[in-house]
N, C-alpha and C. Protein backbone atom coordinates (compact mmCIF):
# COMPACT_ATOMS: atom_id res chain seq x y z
N MET A 1 0.84 -1.18 0.00
CA MET A 1 0.00 0.00 0.00
C MET A 1 0.88 1.24 0.00
N SER A 2 0.70 2.12 -0.98
CA SER A 2 1.52 3.33 -1.04
C SER A 2 0.88 4.42 -0.20
N THR A 3 1.73 5.26 0.34
CA THR A 3 1.23 6.37 1.15
C THR A 3 1.10 7.61 0.27
N VAL A 4 0.13 8.41 0.59
CA VAL A 4 -0.09 9.66 -0.14
C VAL A 4 0.81 10.72 0.50
N PRO A 5 1.63 11.40 -0.29
CA PRO A 5 2.51 12.42 0.30
C PRO A 5 1.70 13.60 0.84
N ALA A 6 2.29 14.28 1.79
CA ALA A 6 1.66 15.49 2.33
C ALA A 6 1.67 16.58 1.27
N LEU A 7 0.63 17.41 1.30
CA LEU A 7 0.58 18.54 0.39
C LEU A 7 1.58 19.58 0.85
N ASN A 8 2.57 19.84 0.00
CA ASN A 8 3.58 20.86 0.32
C ASN A 8 4.17 21.39 -0.98
N GLY A 9 5.07 22.33 -0.86
CA GLY A 9 5.66 22.96 -2.03
C GLY A 9 6.39 21.98 -2.94
N GLN A 10 7.00 20.97 -2.35
CA GLN A 10 7.73 20.00 -3.16
C GLN A 10 6.77 19.21 -4.06
N VAL A 11 5.66 18.76 -3.51
CA VAL A 11 4.68 18.00 -4.29
C VAL A 11 4.07 18.88 -5.38
N ILE A 12 3.72 20.10 -5.01
CA ILE A 12 3.15 21.04 -5.98
C ILE A 12 4.17 21.36 -7.06
N GLY A 13 5.41 21.60 -6.66
CA GLY A 13 6.47 21.91 -7.62
C GLY A 13 6.73 20.76 -8.58
N GLN A 14 6.73 19.54 -8.07
CA GLN A 14 6.97 18.39 -8.94
C GLN A 14 5.87 18.27 -9.99
N ALA A 15 4.63 18.51 -9.59
CA ALA A 15 3.52 18.46 -10.56
C ALA A 15 3.68 19.57 -11.59
N HIS A 16 4.03 20.76 -11.11
CA HIS A 16 4.20 21.90 -12.02
C HIS A 16 5.31 21.62 -13.03
N TYR A 17 6.48 21.22 -12.53
CA TYR A 17 7.62 21.04 -13.44
C TYR A 17 7.43 19.87 -14.40
N ALA A 18 6.77 18.82 -13.95
CA ALA A 18 6.51 17.70 -14.86
C ALA A 18 5.55 18.13 -15.96
N THR A 19 4.51 18.87 -15.59
CA THR A 19 3.54 19.35 -16.58
C THR A 19 4.20 20.36 -17.52
N ARG A 20 4.98 21.26 -16.94
CA ARG A 20 5.67 22.27 -17.76
C ARG A 20 6.62 21.60 -18.75
N ALA A 21 7.32 20.55 -18.30
CA ALA A 21 8.24 19.84 -19.20
C ALA A 21 7.49 19.23 -20.38
N LEU A 22 6.30 18.68 -20.13
CA LEU A 22 5.50 18.15 -21.23
C LEU A 22 5.13 19.26 -22.21
N LEU A 23 4.71 20.40 -21.69
CA LEU A 23 4.35 21.51 -22.57
C LEU A 23 5.57 22.02 -23.33
N GLU A 24 6.70 22.19 -22.65
CA GLU A 24 7.90 22.68 -23.33
C GLU A 24 8.33 21.74 -24.45
N ARG A 25 8.21 20.45 -24.23
CA ARG A 25 8.55 19.49 -25.29
C ARG A 25 7.56 19.57 -26.45
N ALA A 26 6.29 19.82 -26.12
CA ALA A 26 5.27 19.91 -27.17
C ALA A 26 5.47 21.15 -28.04
N VAL A 27 5.95 22.25 -27.45
CA VAL A 27 6.11 23.49 -28.22
C VAL A 27 7.54 23.70 -28.73
N ALA A 28 8.46 22.82 -28.36
CA ALA A 28 9.85 22.94 -28.82
C ALA A 28 9.95 23.02 -30.35
N PRO A 29 9.17 22.21 -31.10
CA PRO A 29 9.27 22.32 -32.56
C PRO A 29 8.83 23.70 -33.09
N LEU A 30 8.09 24.44 -32.28
CA LEU A 30 7.66 25.78 -32.68
C LEU A 30 8.70 26.84 -32.32
N GLY A 31 9.75 26.44 -31.60
CA GLY A 31 10.79 27.37 -31.20
C GLY A 31 10.36 28.33 -30.11
N LEU A 32 9.45 27.90 -29.25
CA LEU A 32 8.91 28.78 -28.21
C LEU A 32 9.41 28.41 -26.83
N SER A 33 9.61 29.45 -26.02
CA SER A 33 9.91 29.24 -24.60
C SER A 33 8.60 29.26 -23.83
N PHE A 34 8.66 28.88 -22.57
CA PHE A 34 7.48 28.89 -21.72
C PHE A 34 6.91 30.31 -21.60
N GLY A 35 7.78 31.29 -21.42
CA GLY A 35 7.33 32.68 -21.34
C GLY A 35 6.64 33.14 -22.61
N GLN A 36 7.14 32.72 -23.74
CA GLN A 36 6.51 33.08 -25.02
C GLN A 36 5.14 32.43 -25.16
N VAL A 37 5.00 31.21 -24.67
CA VAL A 37 3.70 30.54 -24.68
C VAL A 37 2.70 31.35 -23.85
N LEU A 38 3.13 31.78 -22.66
CA LEU A 38 2.23 32.59 -21.82
C LEU A 38 1.83 33.87 -22.53
N ALA A 39 2.79 34.54 -23.15
CA ALA A 39 2.47 35.79 -23.85
C ALA A 39 1.49 35.54 -25.00
N LEU A 40 1.70 34.49 -25.77
CA LEU A 40 0.78 34.16 -26.86
C LEU A 40 -0.63 33.93 -26.32
N ASN A 41 -0.73 33.24 -25.19
CA ASN A 41 -2.04 32.97 -24.62
C ASN A 41 -2.72 34.23 -24.13
N VAL A 42 -1.97 35.14 -23.54
CA VAL A 42 -2.54 36.41 -23.09
C VAL A 42 -3.06 37.20 -24.29
N LEU A 43 -2.31 37.16 -25.38
CA LEU A 43 -2.66 37.94 -26.58
C LEU A 43 -3.71 37.27 -27.46
N ALA A 44 -4.08 36.06 -27.16
CA ALA A 44 -5.01 35.31 -28.02
C ALA A 44 -6.36 35.99 -28.18
N ASP A 45 -6.79 36.73 -27.17
CA ASP A 45 -8.12 37.36 -27.23
C ASP A 45 -8.09 38.77 -27.78
N GLY A 46 -6.94 39.26 -28.17
CA GLY A 46 -6.88 40.60 -28.75
C GLY A 46 -5.71 41.41 -28.21
N ALA A 47 -5.58 42.61 -28.74
CA ALA A 47 -4.47 43.49 -28.38
C ALA A 47 -4.51 43.82 -26.89
N VAL A 48 -3.31 43.98 -26.32
CA VAL A 48 -3.16 44.28 -24.90
C VAL A 48 -2.13 45.40 -24.77
N ASP A 49 -2.37 46.33 -23.82
CA ASP A 49 -1.36 47.35 -23.54
C ASP A 49 -0.04 46.65 -23.19
N ARG A 50 1.06 47.13 -23.76
CA ARG A 50 2.36 46.50 -23.50
C ARG A 50 2.66 46.47 -21.99
N ALA A 51 2.39 47.56 -21.29
CA ALA A 51 2.68 47.61 -19.85
C ALA A 51 1.85 46.57 -19.10
N ARG A 52 0.60 46.40 -19.49
CA ARG A 52 -0.27 45.41 -18.84
C ARG A 52 0.22 43.99 -19.12
N LEU A 53 0.66 43.74 -20.35
CA LEU A 53 1.19 42.43 -20.71
C LEU A 53 2.45 42.13 -19.91
N VAL A 54 3.34 43.11 -19.82
CA VAL A 54 4.57 42.92 -19.05
C VAL A 54 4.24 42.62 -17.59
N HIS A 55 3.31 43.37 -17.02
CA HIS A 55 2.93 43.14 -15.62
C HIS A 55 2.33 41.74 -15.44
N ARG A 56 1.47 41.37 -16.36
CA ARG A 56 0.81 40.05 -16.24
C ARG A 56 1.83 38.92 -16.23
N ILE A 57 2.82 39.00 -17.10
CA ILE A 57 3.79 37.91 -17.18
C ILE A 57 4.81 37.98 -16.05
N THR A 58 5.24 39.18 -15.65
CA THR A 58 6.17 39.27 -14.52
C THR A 58 5.50 38.74 -13.25
N SER A 59 4.22 39.05 -13.07
CA SER A 59 3.54 38.58 -11.86
C SER A 59 3.24 37.08 -11.91
N THR A 60 3.08 36.53 -13.10
CA THR A 60 2.83 35.09 -13.22
C THR A 60 4.11 34.28 -13.05
N LEU A 61 5.15 34.68 -13.77
CA LEU A 61 6.41 33.92 -13.76
C LEU A 61 7.37 34.34 -12.65
N LYS A 62 7.10 35.48 -12.01
CA LYS A 62 7.98 36.01 -10.97
C LYS A 62 9.37 36.29 -11.54
N VAL A 63 9.39 36.95 -12.70
CA VAL A 63 10.63 37.35 -13.35
C VAL A 63 10.65 38.86 -13.47
N ASP A 64 11.82 39.41 -13.81
CA ASP A 64 11.90 40.87 -13.93
C ASP A 64 11.38 41.33 -15.29
N GLU A 65 11.15 42.62 -15.39
CA GLU A 65 10.57 43.19 -16.61
C GLU A 65 11.44 42.96 -17.83
N GLN A 66 12.76 42.99 -17.65
CA GLN A 66 13.64 42.81 -18.81
C GLN A 66 13.45 41.43 -19.43
N ALA A 67 13.24 40.42 -18.60
CA ALA A 67 13.02 39.07 -19.13
C ALA A 67 11.76 39.04 -20.00
N VAL A 68 10.73 39.76 -19.58
CA VAL A 68 9.49 39.80 -20.36
C VAL A 68 9.68 40.62 -21.62
N ARG A 69 10.42 41.70 -21.53
CA ARG A 69 10.69 42.50 -22.73
C ARG A 69 11.45 41.66 -23.76
N ASP A 70 12.35 40.80 -23.28
CA ASP A 70 13.07 39.89 -24.18
C ASP A 70 12.11 38.90 -24.85
N VAL A 71 11.15 38.39 -24.09
CA VAL A 71 10.12 37.48 -24.63
C VAL A 71 9.35 38.20 -25.74
N LEU A 72 8.92 39.43 -25.45
CA LEU A 72 8.15 40.18 -26.45
C LEU A 72 8.99 40.51 -27.67
N ALA A 73 10.25 40.86 -27.46
CA ALA A 73 11.13 41.16 -28.59
C ALA A 73 11.27 39.93 -29.50
N HIS A 74 11.38 38.77 -28.91
CA HIS A 74 11.49 37.54 -29.72
C HIS A 74 10.21 37.30 -30.51
N LEU A 75 9.05 37.52 -29.88
CA LEU A 75 7.79 37.33 -30.60
C LEU A 75 7.66 38.31 -31.76
N VAL A 76 8.12 39.53 -31.56
CA VAL A 76 8.09 40.53 -32.64
C VAL A 76 9.10 40.16 -33.73
N ASP A 77 10.32 39.79 -33.31
CA ASP A 77 11.37 39.44 -34.28
C ASP A 77 11.00 38.24 -35.14
N THR A 78 10.20 37.33 -34.60
CA THR A 78 9.80 36.13 -35.34
C THR A 78 8.44 36.29 -36.00
N ASP A 79 7.94 37.52 -36.03
CA ASP A 79 6.67 37.88 -36.68
C ASP A 79 5.46 37.15 -36.09
N LEU A 80 5.53 36.89 -34.79
CA LEU A 80 4.36 36.31 -34.12
C LEU A 80 3.52 37.38 -33.44
N ALA A 81 4.15 38.52 -33.17
CA ALA A 81 3.44 39.64 -32.53
C ALA A 81 3.89 40.94 -33.15
N HIS A 82 3.06 41.95 -32.98
CA HIS A 82 3.34 43.29 -33.50
C HIS A 82 3.04 44.29 -32.38
N VAL A 83 3.88 45.32 -32.27
CA VAL A 83 3.63 46.39 -31.31
C VAL A 83 3.22 47.62 -32.09
N ASP A 84 2.05 48.15 -31.76
CA ASP A 84 1.55 49.38 -32.37
C ASP A 84 1.88 50.52 -31.43
N ASP A 85 2.86 51.32 -31.81
CA ASP A 85 3.31 52.45 -30.99
C ASP A 85 2.52 53.72 -31.23
N ARG A 86 1.51 53.67 -32.10
CA ARG A 86 0.74 54.88 -32.41
C ARG A 86 -0.25 55.25 -31.31
N ALA A 87 -0.68 54.28 -30.55
CA ALA A 87 -1.65 54.54 -29.48
C ALA A 87 -0.92 55.22 -28.30
N PRO A 88 -1.66 55.91 -27.44
CA PRO A 88 -1.03 56.54 -26.27
C PRO A 88 -0.24 55.51 -25.44
N GLU A 89 -0.80 54.32 -25.29
CA GLU A 89 -0.09 53.22 -24.64
C GLU A 89 0.14 52.17 -25.71
N PRO A 90 1.41 51.82 -26.00
CA PRO A 90 1.67 50.84 -27.06
C PRO A 90 0.88 49.55 -26.85
N GLN A 91 0.29 49.07 -27.93
CA GLN A 91 -0.52 47.87 -27.93
C GLN A 91 0.25 46.72 -28.59
N VAL A 92 0.16 45.55 -27.99
CA VAL A 92 0.78 44.34 -28.55
C VAL A 92 -0.36 43.45 -29.03
N ARG A 93 -0.20 42.95 -30.24
CA ARG A 93 -1.22 42.05 -30.78
C ARG A 93 -0.53 40.94 -31.55
N LEU A 94 -1.24 39.85 -31.72
CA LEU A 94 -0.70 38.74 -32.50
C LEU A 94 -0.83 39.04 -33.99
N THR A 95 0.13 38.57 -34.75
CA THR A 95 0.03 38.60 -36.21
C THR A 95 -0.77 37.36 -36.63
N ASP A 96 -1.01 37.23 -37.91
CA ASP A 96 -1.68 36.01 -38.39
C ASP A 96 -0.86 34.77 -38.04
N ALA A 97 0.46 34.87 -38.21
CA ALA A 97 1.33 33.75 -37.84
C ALA A 97 1.27 33.49 -36.34
N GLY A 98 1.16 34.54 -35.55
CA GLY A 98 1.04 34.41 -34.10
C GLY A 98 -0.24 33.71 -33.70
N HIS A 99 -1.35 34.06 -34.36
CA HIS A 99 -2.62 33.39 -34.08
C HIS A 99 -2.53 31.90 -34.44
N ALA A 100 -1.92 31.59 -35.58
CA ALA A 100 -1.79 30.18 -35.99
C ALA A 100 -0.93 29.42 -34.99
N THR A 101 0.15 30.03 -34.54
CA THR A 101 1.04 29.39 -33.57
C THR A 101 0.32 29.21 -32.23
N GLN A 102 -0.43 30.23 -31.82
CA GLN A 102 -1.15 30.14 -30.55
C GLN A 102 -2.19 29.03 -30.61
N ARG A 103 -2.82 28.83 -31.74
CA ARG A 103 -3.79 27.74 -31.88
C ARG A 103 -3.10 26.38 -31.72
N ARG A 104 -1.90 26.26 -32.25
CA ARG A 104 -1.14 25.01 -32.10
C ARG A 104 -0.76 24.79 -30.64
N VAL A 105 -0.38 25.86 -29.95
CA VAL A 105 -0.06 25.77 -28.52
C VAL A 105 -1.31 25.36 -27.75
N SER A 106 -2.43 26.00 -28.05
CA SER A 106 -3.68 25.69 -27.37
C SER A 106 -4.08 24.23 -27.56
N ALA A 107 -3.89 23.72 -28.75
CA ALA A 107 -4.20 22.31 -29.03
C ALA A 107 -3.29 21.39 -28.20
N ALA A 108 -2.01 21.76 -28.07
CA ALA A 108 -1.08 20.96 -27.26
C ALA A 108 -1.50 20.98 -25.80
N VAL A 109 -1.89 22.15 -25.30
CA VAL A 109 -2.34 22.26 -23.91
C VAL A 109 -3.60 21.43 -23.68
N THR A 110 -4.53 21.51 -24.62
CA THR A 110 -5.77 20.72 -24.50
C THR A 110 -5.46 19.24 -24.44
N ASP A 111 -4.55 18.78 -25.28
CA ASP A 111 -4.17 17.38 -25.31
C ASP A 111 -3.51 16.95 -23.99
N ILE A 112 -2.56 17.74 -23.51
CA ILE A 112 -1.88 17.43 -22.25
C ILE A 112 -2.89 17.42 -21.10
N THR A 113 -3.76 18.41 -21.07
CA THR A 113 -4.76 18.51 -20.00
C THR A 113 -5.67 17.28 -20.00
N ALA A 114 -6.10 16.86 -21.16
CA ALA A 114 -6.98 15.69 -21.24
C ALA A 114 -6.27 14.44 -20.71
N ARG A 115 -5.01 14.28 -21.08
CA ARG A 115 -4.27 13.10 -20.63
C ARG A 115 -4.01 13.11 -19.13
N LEU A 116 -3.68 14.27 -18.58
CA LEU A 116 -3.29 14.34 -17.17
C LEU A 116 -4.47 14.49 -16.22
N TYR A 117 -5.51 15.21 -16.64
CA TYR A 117 -6.60 15.53 -15.72
C TYR A 117 -7.93 14.86 -16.08
N GLY A 118 -8.01 14.30 -17.26
CA GLY A 118 -9.28 13.83 -17.79
C GLY A 118 -10.04 12.84 -16.93
N ASP A 119 -9.35 11.97 -16.21
CA ASP A 119 -10.06 10.95 -15.43
C ASP A 119 -10.15 11.29 -13.94
N ILE A 120 -9.75 12.49 -13.56
CA ILE A 120 -9.85 12.90 -12.16
C ILE A 120 -11.30 13.34 -11.92
N PRO A 121 -11.94 12.79 -10.90
CA PRO A 121 -13.32 13.17 -10.61
C PRO A 121 -13.46 14.68 -10.40
N THR A 122 -14.55 15.24 -10.89
CA THR A 122 -14.78 16.68 -10.85
C THR A 122 -14.63 17.24 -9.44
N GLU A 123 -15.17 16.56 -8.44
CA GLU A 123 -15.10 17.06 -7.06
C GLU A 123 -13.66 17.15 -6.58
N GLN A 124 -12.85 16.17 -6.93
CA GLN A 124 -11.45 16.18 -6.52
C GLN A 124 -10.68 17.28 -7.25
N ALA A 125 -10.94 17.42 -8.53
CA ALA A 125 -10.26 18.46 -9.31
C ALA A 125 -10.65 19.85 -8.79
N SER A 126 -11.92 20.04 -8.45
CA SER A 126 -12.37 21.33 -7.92
C SER A 126 -11.73 21.62 -6.57
N ALA A 127 -11.65 20.62 -5.72
CA ALA A 127 -11.01 20.81 -4.41
C ALA A 127 -9.53 21.16 -4.58
N ALA A 128 -8.85 20.46 -5.46
CA ALA A 128 -7.43 20.75 -5.72
C ALA A 128 -7.27 22.17 -6.26
N ALA A 129 -8.13 22.58 -7.17
CA ALA A 129 -8.05 23.93 -7.73
C ALA A 129 -8.26 24.98 -6.64
N ARG A 130 -9.22 24.75 -5.75
CA ARG A 130 -9.46 25.71 -4.65
C ARG A 130 -8.23 25.81 -3.74
N VAL A 131 -7.66 24.68 -3.38
CA VAL A 131 -6.49 24.68 -2.50
C VAL A 131 -5.30 25.37 -3.16
N LEU A 132 -5.03 25.03 -4.41
CA LEU A 132 -3.89 25.63 -5.10
C LEU A 132 -4.09 27.13 -5.33
N THR A 133 -5.31 27.55 -5.59
CA THR A 133 -5.60 28.97 -5.73
C THR A 133 -5.34 29.70 -4.41
N LEU A 134 -5.76 29.12 -3.31
CA LEU A 134 -5.53 29.72 -1.99
C LEU A 134 -4.04 29.82 -1.70
N ILE A 135 -3.29 28.77 -1.97
CA ILE A 135 -1.85 28.78 -1.74
C ILE A 135 -1.18 29.86 -2.59
N THR A 136 -1.60 29.98 -3.85
CA THR A 136 -1.04 31.02 -4.73
C THR A 136 -1.35 32.40 -4.19
N GLN A 137 -2.57 32.63 -3.75
CA GLN A 137 -2.94 33.93 -3.19
C GLN A 137 -2.09 34.25 -1.95
N ARG A 138 -1.91 33.28 -1.08
CA ARG A 138 -1.11 33.51 0.12
C ARG A 138 0.35 33.80 -0.23
N ALA A 139 0.90 33.03 -1.15
CA ALA A 139 2.29 33.25 -1.54
C ALA A 139 2.47 34.62 -2.19
N ASN A 140 1.52 35.00 -3.07
CA ASN A 140 1.59 36.32 -3.71
C ASN A 140 1.49 37.44 -2.69
N ALA A 141 0.63 37.27 -1.66
CA ALA A 141 0.49 38.29 -0.61
C ALA A 141 1.81 38.42 0.16
N GLU A 142 2.46 37.30 0.45
CA GLU A 142 3.74 37.37 1.15
C GLU A 142 4.81 38.02 0.27
N LEU A 143 4.82 37.69 -1.01
CA LEU A 143 5.79 38.31 -1.91
C LEU A 143 5.57 39.82 -1.99
N ALA A 144 4.32 40.25 -2.02
CA ALA A 144 4.01 41.68 -2.10
C ALA A 144 4.45 42.42 -0.85
N ALA A 145 4.49 41.72 0.28
CA ALA A 145 4.88 42.35 1.55
C ALA A 145 6.39 42.46 1.73
N ILE A 146 7.14 41.75 0.90
CA ILE A 146 8.60 41.78 0.99
C ILE A 146 9.14 42.96 0.19
N PRO A 147 9.92 43.86 0.81
CA PRO A 147 10.47 44.99 0.06
C PRO A 147 11.35 44.50 -1.10
N ALA A 148 11.25 45.20 -2.22
CA ALA A 148 12.01 44.80 -3.42
C ALA A 148 13.50 45.07 -3.23
């Protein structure tokens, strides 16, 4: 009889990194990093203020702004995204190639999600989502309280 490990950062981290590794392998043929995947997903629904996009990804990945600017520069350099500097706040949007690439990423995520989560009972998945959301909120609150 195997024992169920205690819920802690190590268990959560192992699940995250294993899932992330599957996604990174799935998008490797597209030449995308994990940060670029996140940016494509944020931009999938339409143009976003560059500052808002940078904030969203820095707060999600816990990286500095320069790392996100590098992600955006790569998306622009590879014609997956375009920055419109004519607006008062520069807008970032996907190009046609960016939309096509994002659809491929979305399909890979859907496939991975179905394989990993598909047979987990809804009640268990909902409970896990609630717990992980609470842990994320608590960790973010502690990070916000720490002087930069």
